C-alpha cells in the first residue's frame, strides 16, 4: 500500500473549489443576462413574458442575491394587477431598504395609493420617500406629488417647501 501524498489532496481540493467558483460565476452571469432580458421585454411592452422570466428567477435565486431584488422589482413592474404589484413593491421596500430599487418601489407604492384614491396614504408614502431617500432621480417627482397632495389638504407651508425642492431637483428631462 502506497501512502497518499498531501499534495494530491490539495490539488483535488483546489480543483473542486475552482469548479464551484466557476459554476457560481456562470449562474450569476446567467441571472444577469436573464435580468437584462426581463428589462428589455418590459420596456418593449411584452410584460407577460417579462413577468414569467422574473417569476422563474425569483424561484431559482436566493433572496441574498443582488439579482433577486431586481427580479422582484420587475415582477412588480410587469404585474397584471395592482394588488400583485403592491405586494412586491411593499416587500422590496421593507425587506430590501438599502437596495437601489427601494426608492422606485416606494414611488410606485405612493402612485398606486394615489390611483386608488387614498390621498392621505399616498402623501405619507411620498413624504417617507423624501425623508428616507433625500437624493436621487425620484426627488423631483416625489416632491411634486407631495406638494400637490399638501395643497389638496390645505397645507400651504409644506406644499411650498415641496415645490421648492421639486423645482431644484427637476432636470430638463423632467419638464
C-alpha atoms as a PDB file:
ATOM      1  CA  UNK A   1       0.000   0.000   0.000  1.00  0.00           C
ATOM      2  CA  UNK A   2       1.400   3.352  -1.021  1.00  0.00           C
ATOM      3  CA  UNK A   3       0.699   6.361   1.180  1.00  0.00           C
ATOM      4  CA  UNK A   4      -1.275   9.202  -0.359  1.00  0.00           C
ATOM      5  CA  UNK A   5       0.576  12.372  -0.943  1.00  0.00           C
ATOM      6  CA  UNK A   6      -0.774  15.505   0.748  1.00  0.00           C
ATOM      7  CA  UNK A   7      -0.276  17.437  -2.495  1.00  0.00           C
ATOM      8  CA  UNK A   8      -2.776  15.156  -4.252  1.00  0.00           C
ATOM      9  CA  UNK A   9      -5.464  16.040  -1.708  1.00  0.00           C
ATOM     10  CA  UNK A  10      -4.685  19.733  -2.050  1.00  0.00           C
ATOM     11  CA  UNK A  11      -4.863  19.528  -5.845  1.00  0.00           C
ATOM     12  CA  UNK A  12      -8.289  17.901  -5.659  1.00  0.00           C
ATOM     13  CA  UNK A  13      -9.497  20.493  -3.176  1.00  0.00           C
ATOM     14  CA  UNK A  14      -8.197  23.355  -5.297  1.00  0.00           C
ATOM     15  CA  UNK A  15      -9.757  21.979  -8.485  1.00  0.00           C
ATOM     16  CA  UNK A  16     -13.071  21.418  -6.660  1.00  0.00           C
ATOM     17  CA  UNK A  17     -13.028  24.963  -5.310  1.00  0.00           C
ATOM     18  CA  UNK A  18     -12.296  26.347  -8.777  1.00  0.00           C
ATOM     19  CA  UNK A  19     -15.137  24.303 -10.229  1.00  0.00           C
ATOM     20  CA  UNK A  20     -17.578  25.649  -7.607  1.00  0.00           C
ATOM     21  CA  UNK A  21     -16.392  29.200  -8.220  1.00  0.00           C
ATOM     22  CA  UNK A  22     -16.789  28.801 -11.984  1.00  0.00           C
ATOM     23  CA  UNK A  23     -20.290  27.347 -11.557  1.00  0.00           C
ATOM     24  CA  UNK A  24     -21.338  30.189  -9.237  1.00  0.00           C
ATOM     25  CA  UNK A  25     -19.936  32.760 -11.663  1.00  0.00           C
ATOM     26  CA  UNK A  26     -21.788  31.133 -14.572  1.00  0.00           C
ATOM     27  CA  UNK A  27     -25.072  31.136 -12.579  1.00  0.00           C
ATOM     28  CA  UNK A  28     -24.614  34.813 -11.689  1.00  0.00           C
ATOM     29  CA  UNK A  29     -23.866  35.727 -15.306  1.00  0.00           C
ATOM     30  CA  UNK A  30     -26.891  33.724 -16.452  1.00  0.00           C
ATOM     31  CA  UNK A  31     -29.124  35.516 -13.958  1.00  0.00           C
ATOM     32  CA  UNK A  32     -27.718  38.898 -15.021  1.00  0.00           C
ATOM     33  CA  UNK A  33     -28.355  38.034 -18.663  1.00  0.00           C
ATOM     34  CA  UNK A  34     -31.912  36.936 -17.876  1.00  0.00           C
ATOM     35  CA  UNK A  35     -32.452  40.119 -15.866  1.00  0.00           C
ATOM     36  CA  UNK A  36     -31.320  42.226 -18.821  1.00  0.00           C
ATOM     37  CA  UNK A  37     -33.802  40.318 -20.988  1.00  0.00           C
ATOM     38  CA  UNK A  38     -36.626  40.953 -18.481  1.00  0.00           C
ATOM     39  CA  UNK A  39     -35.888  44.673 -18.534  1.00  0.00           C
ATOM     40  CA  UNK A  40     -35.786  44.787 -22.347  1.00  0.00           C
ATOM     41  CA  UNK A  41     -39.061  42.871 -22.635  1.00  0.00           C
ATOM     42  CA  UNK A  42     -40.803  45.067 -20.052  1.00  0.00           C
ATOM     43  CA  UNK A  43     -39.696  48.263 -21.750  1.00  0.00           C
ATOM     44  CA  UNK A  44     -40.725  46.879 -25.142  1.00  0.00           C
ATOM     45  CA  UNK A  45     -44.208  46.171 -23.771  1.00  0.00           C
ATOM     46  CA  UNK A  46     -44.054  42.362 -23.516  1.00  0.00           C
ATOM     47  CA  UNK A  47     -44.984  42.410 -19.860  1.00  0.00           C
ATOM     48  CA  UNK A  48     -46.344  38.846 -19.639  1.00  0.00           C
ATOM     49  CA  UNK A  49     -43.120  37.275 -20.893  1.00  0.00           C
ATOM     50  CA  UNK A  50     -41.021  39.568 -18.711  1.00  0.00           C
ATOM     51  CA  UNK A  51     -43.097  38.644 -15.673  1.00  0.00           C
ATOM     52  CA  UNK A  52     -42.734  34.932 -16.411  1.00  0.00           C
ATOM     53  CA  UNK A  53     -38.955  35.206 -16.544  1.00  0.00           C
ATOM     54  CA  UNK A  54     -38.887  37.336 -13.387  1.00  0.00           C
ATOM     55  CA  UNK A  55     -41.029  34.696 -11.626  1.00  0.00           C
ATOM     56  CA  UNK A  56     -38.623  31.976 -12.717  1.00  0.00           C
ATOM     57  CA  UNK A  57     -35.647  33.961 -11.474  1.00  0.00           C
ATOM     58  CA  UNK A  58     -37.290  34.565  -8.105  1.00  0.00           C
ATOM     59  CA  UNK A  59     -37.882  30.818  -7.768  1.00  0.00           C
ATOM     60  CA  UNK A  60     -34.306  29.972  -8.691  1.00  0.00           C
ATOM     61  CA  UNK A  61     -32.345  32.680  -6.866  1.00  0.00           C
ATOM     62  CA  UNK A  62     -31.517  33.077  -3.223  1.00  0.00           C
ATOM     63  CA  UNK A  63     -33.015  36.164  -1.607  1.00  0.00           C
ATOM     64  CA  UNK A  64     -29.441  37.220  -0.799  1.00  0.00           C
ATOM     65  CA  UNK A  65     -28.590  37.507  -4.492  1.00  0.00           C
ATOM     66  CA  UNK A  66     -28.356  41.091  -5.795  1.00  0.00           C
ATOM     67  CA  UNK A  67     -30.301  39.959  -8.858  1.00  0.00           C
ATOM     68  CA  UNK A  68     -33.184  38.813  -6.639  1.00  0.00           C
ATOM     69  CA  UNK A  69     -34.142  42.404  -5.805  1.00  0.00           C
ATOM     70  CA  UNK A  70     -34.133  43.393  -9.479  1.00  0.00           C
ATOM     71  CA  UNK A  71     -36.298  40.369 -10.334  1.00  0.00           C
ATOM     72  CA  UNK A  72     -38.733  41.342  -7.572  1.00  0.00           C
ATOM     73  CA  UNK A  73     -38.874  44.924  -8.889  1.00  0.00           C
ATOM     74  CA  UNK A  74     -39.513  43.852 -12.481  1.00  0.00           C
ATOM     75  CA  UNK A  75     -42.140  41.304 -11.418  1.00  0.00           C
ATOM     76  CA  UNK A  76     -43.955  44.140  -9.651  1.00  0.00           C
ATOM     77  CA  UNK A  77     -43.478  46.484 -12.622  1.00  0.00           C
ATOM     78  CA  UNK A  78     -44.890  43.926 -15.073  1.00  0.00           C
ATOM     79  CA  UNK A  79     -47.702  42.795 -12.815  1.00  0.00           C
ATOM     80  CA  UNK A  80     -51.094  42.407 -14.413  1.00  0.00           C
ATOM     81  CA  UNK A  81     -52.932  43.798 -11.386  1.00  0.00           C
ATOM     82  CA  UNK A  82     -52.370  46.428  -8.728  1.00  0.00           C
ATOM     83  CA  UNK A  83     -52.587  44.029  -5.773  1.00  0.00           C
ATOM     84  CA  UNK A  84     -49.697  41.870  -7.012  1.00  0.00           C
ATOM     85  CA  UNK A  85     -47.634  44.924  -7.867  1.00  0.00           C
ATOM     86  CA  UNK A  86     -48.304  46.445  -4.462  1.00  0.00           C
ATOM     87  CA  UNK A  87     -47.316  43.211  -2.692  1.00  0.00           C
ATOM     88  CA  UNK A  88     -43.955  43.034  -4.497  1.00  0.00           C
ATOM     89  CA  UNK A  89     -43.184  46.759  -4.187  1.00  0.00           C
ATOM     90  CA  UNK A  90     -44.008  46.629  -0.483  1.00  0.00           C
ATOM     91  CA  UNK A  91     -41.839  43.566   0.024  1.00  0.00           C
ATOM     92  CA  UNK A  92     -38.974  45.234  -1.782  1.00  0.00           C
ATOM     93  CA  UNK A  93     -39.255  48.437   0.249  1.00  0.00           C
ATOM     94  CA  UNK A  94     -39.499  46.607   3.590  1.00  0.00           C
ATOM     95  CA  UNK A  95     -37.091  43.687   3.121  1.00  0.00           C
ATOM     96  CA  UNK A  96     -34.510  45.455   0.954  1.00  0.00           C
ATOM     97  CA  UNK A  97     -34.495  49.132   2.040  1.00  0.00           C
ATOM     98  CA  UNK A  98     -30.824  49.582   1.101  1.00  0.00           C
ATOM     99  CA  UNK A  99     -31.382  48.400  -2.454  1.00  0.00           C
ATOM    100  CA  UNK A 100     -31.098  50.954  -5.259  1.00  0.00           C
ATOM    101  CA  UNK A 101     -34.629  49.814  -6.245  1.00  0.00           C
ATOM    102  CA  UNK A 102     -36.189  50.744  -2.867  1.00  0.00           C
ATOM    103  CA  UNK A 103     -36.914  54.404  -3.763  1.00  0.00           C
ATOM    104  CA  UNK A 104     -38.525  53.310  -7.040  1.00  0.00           C
ATOM    105  CA  UNK A 105     -40.675  50.817  -5.117  1.00  0.00           C
ATOM    106  CA  UNK A 106     -41.832  53.495  -2.656  1.00  0.00           C
ATOM    107  CA  UNK A 107     -42.639  55.864  -5.515  1.00  0.00           C
ATOM    108  CA  UNK A 108     -44.696  53.166  -7.219  1.00  0.00           C
ATOM    109  CA  UNK A 109     -46.497  52.360  -3.949  1.00  0.00           C
ATOM    110  CA  UNK A 110     -47.381  56.019  -3.466  1.00  0.00           C
ATOM    111  CA  UNK A 111     -48.677  56.232  -7.039  1.00  0.00           C
ATOM    112  CA  UNK A 112     -50.799  53.105  -6.516  1.00  0.00           C
ATOM    113  CA  UNK A 113     -52.290  54.624  -3.353  1.00  0.00           C
ATOM    114  CA  UNK A 114     -53.000  57.863  -5.214  1.00  0.00           C
ATOM    115  CA  UNK A 115     -54.682  55.961  -8.064  1.00  0.00           C
ATOM    116  CA  UNK A 116     -56.781  54.068  -5.521  1.00  0.00           C
ATOM    117  CA  UNK A 117     -57.938  57.412  -4.111  1.00  0.00           C
ATOM    118  CA  UNK A 118     -56.137  57.093  -0.770  1.00  0.00           C
ATOM    119  CA  UNK A 119     -54.556  60.522  -0.889  1.00  0.00           C
ATOM    120  CA  UNK A 120     -53.530  60.592   2.778  1.00  0.00           C
ATOM    121  CA  UNK A 121     -51.613  57.305   2.451  1.00  0.00           C
ATOM    122  CA  UNK A 122     -50.094  58.488  -0.826  1.00  0.00           C
ATOM    123  CA  UNK A 123     -48.867  61.719   0.736  1.00  0.00           C
ATOM    124  CA  UNK A 124     -47.381  59.842   3.708  1.00  0.00           C
ATOM    125  CA  UNK A 125     -45.621  57.486   1.299  1.00  0.00           C
ATOM    126  CA  UNK A 126     -44.253  60.365  -0.825  1.00  0.00           C
ATOM    127  CA  UNK A 127     -43.079  62.135   2.333  1.00  0.00           C
ATOM    128  CA  UNK A 128     -41.448  58.948   3.615  1.00  0.00           C
ATOM    129  CA  UNK A 129     -39.680  58.552   0.293  1.00  0.00           C
ATOM    130  CA  UNK A 130     -38.356  62.102   0.531  1.00  0.00           C
ATOM    131  CA  UNK A 131     -37.297  61.634   4.159  1.00  0.00           C
ATOM    132  CA  UNK A 132     -35.640  58.216   3.763  1.00  0.00           C
ATOM    133  CA  UNK A 133     -34.069  58.856   0.335  1.00  0.00           C
ATOM    134  CA  UNK A 134     -33.343  62.606   0.115  1.00  0.00           C
ATOM    135  CA  UNK A 135     -31.336  62.306  -3.105  1.00  0.00           C
ATOM    136  CA  UNK A 136     -31.861  60.527  -6.386  1.00  0.00           C
ATOM    137  CA  UNK A 137     -33.774  60.659  -9.628  1.00  0.00           C
ATOM    138  CA  UNK A 138     -37.101  60.287  -7.776  1.00  0.00           C
ATOM    139  CA  UNK A 139     -36.692  63.556  -5.848  1.00  0.00           C
ATOM    140  CA  UNK A 140     -38.436  65.904  -8.300  1.00  0.00           C
ATOM    141  CA  UNK A 141     -41.447  63.651  -8.920  1.00  0.00           C
ATOM    142  CA  UNK A 142     -41.951  62.702  -5.282  1.00  0.00           C
ATOM    143  CA  UNK A 143     -41.646  66.345  -4.226  1.00  0.00           C
ATOM    144  CA  UNK A 144     -44.155  67.454  -6.856  1.00  0.00           C
ATOM    145  CA  UNK A 145     -46.717  64.849  -5.788  1.00  0.00           C
ATOM    146  CA  UNK A 146     -46.172  65.573  -2.117  1.00  0.00           C
ATOM    147  CA  UNK A 147     -46.750  69.273  -2.833  1.00  0.00           C
ATOM    148  CA  UNK A 148     -49.880  68.583  -4.848  1.00  0.00           C
ATOM    149  CA  UNK A 149     -51.357  66.465  -2.067  1.00  0.00           C
ATOM    150  CA  UNK A 150     -50.332  69.012   0.594  1.00  0.00           C
ATOM    151  CA  UNK A 151     -52.190  71.707  -1.378  1.00  0.00           C
ATOM    152  CA  UNK A 152     -55.282  69.492  -1.559  1.00  0.00           C
ATOM    153  CA  UNK A 153     -55.121  69.189   2.238  1.00  0.00           C
ATOM    154  CA  UNK A 154     -54.650  72.951   2.645  1.00  0.00           C
ATOM    155  CA  UNK A 155     -51.090  72.635   3.971  1.00  0.00           C
ATOM    156  CA  UNK A 156     -49.569  75.532   2.025  1.00  0.00           C
ATOM    157  CA  UNK A 157     -46.331  75.657   4.006  1.00  0.00           C
ATOM    158  CA  UNK A 158     -45.494  72.024   3.249  1.00  0.00           C
ATOM    159  CA  UNK A 159     -46.649  72.452  -0.346  1.00  0.00           C
ATOM    160  CA  UNK A 160     -44.362  75.446  -0.927  1.00  0.00           C
ATOM    161  CA  UNK A 161     -41.385  73.647   0.612  1.00  0.00           C
ATOM    162  CA  UNK A 162     -42.007  70.548  -1.513  1.00  0.00           C
ATOM    163  CA  UNK A 163     -42.441  72.619  -4.702  1.00  0.00           C
ATOM    164  CA  UNK A 164     -39.171  74.412  -3.988  1.00  0.00           C
ATOM    165  CA  UNK A 165     -37.443  71.035  -3.650  1.00  0.00           C
ATOM    166  CA  UNK A 166     -39.111  69.788  -6.838  1.00  0.00           C
ATOM    167  CA  UNK A 167     -38.001  72.879  -8.772  1.00  0.00           C
ATOM    168  CA  UNK A 168     -34.396  72.482  -7.602  1.00  0.00           C
ATOM    169  CA  UNK A 169     -34.331  68.755  -8.325  1.00  0.00           C
ATOM    170  CA  UNK A 170     -36.056  68.869 -11.718  1.00  0.00           C
ATOM    171  CA  UNK A 171     -33.836  68.378 -14.722  1.00  0.00           C
ATOM    172  CA  UNK A 172     -34.550  69.459 -18.278  1.00  0.00           C
ATOM    173  CA  UNK A 173     -35.703  65.878 -18.972  1.00  0.00           C
ATOM    174  CA  UNK A 174     -38.350  66.117 -16.231  1.00  0.00           C
ATOM    175  CA  UNK A 175     -40.064  69.093 -17.837  1.00  0.00           C
END
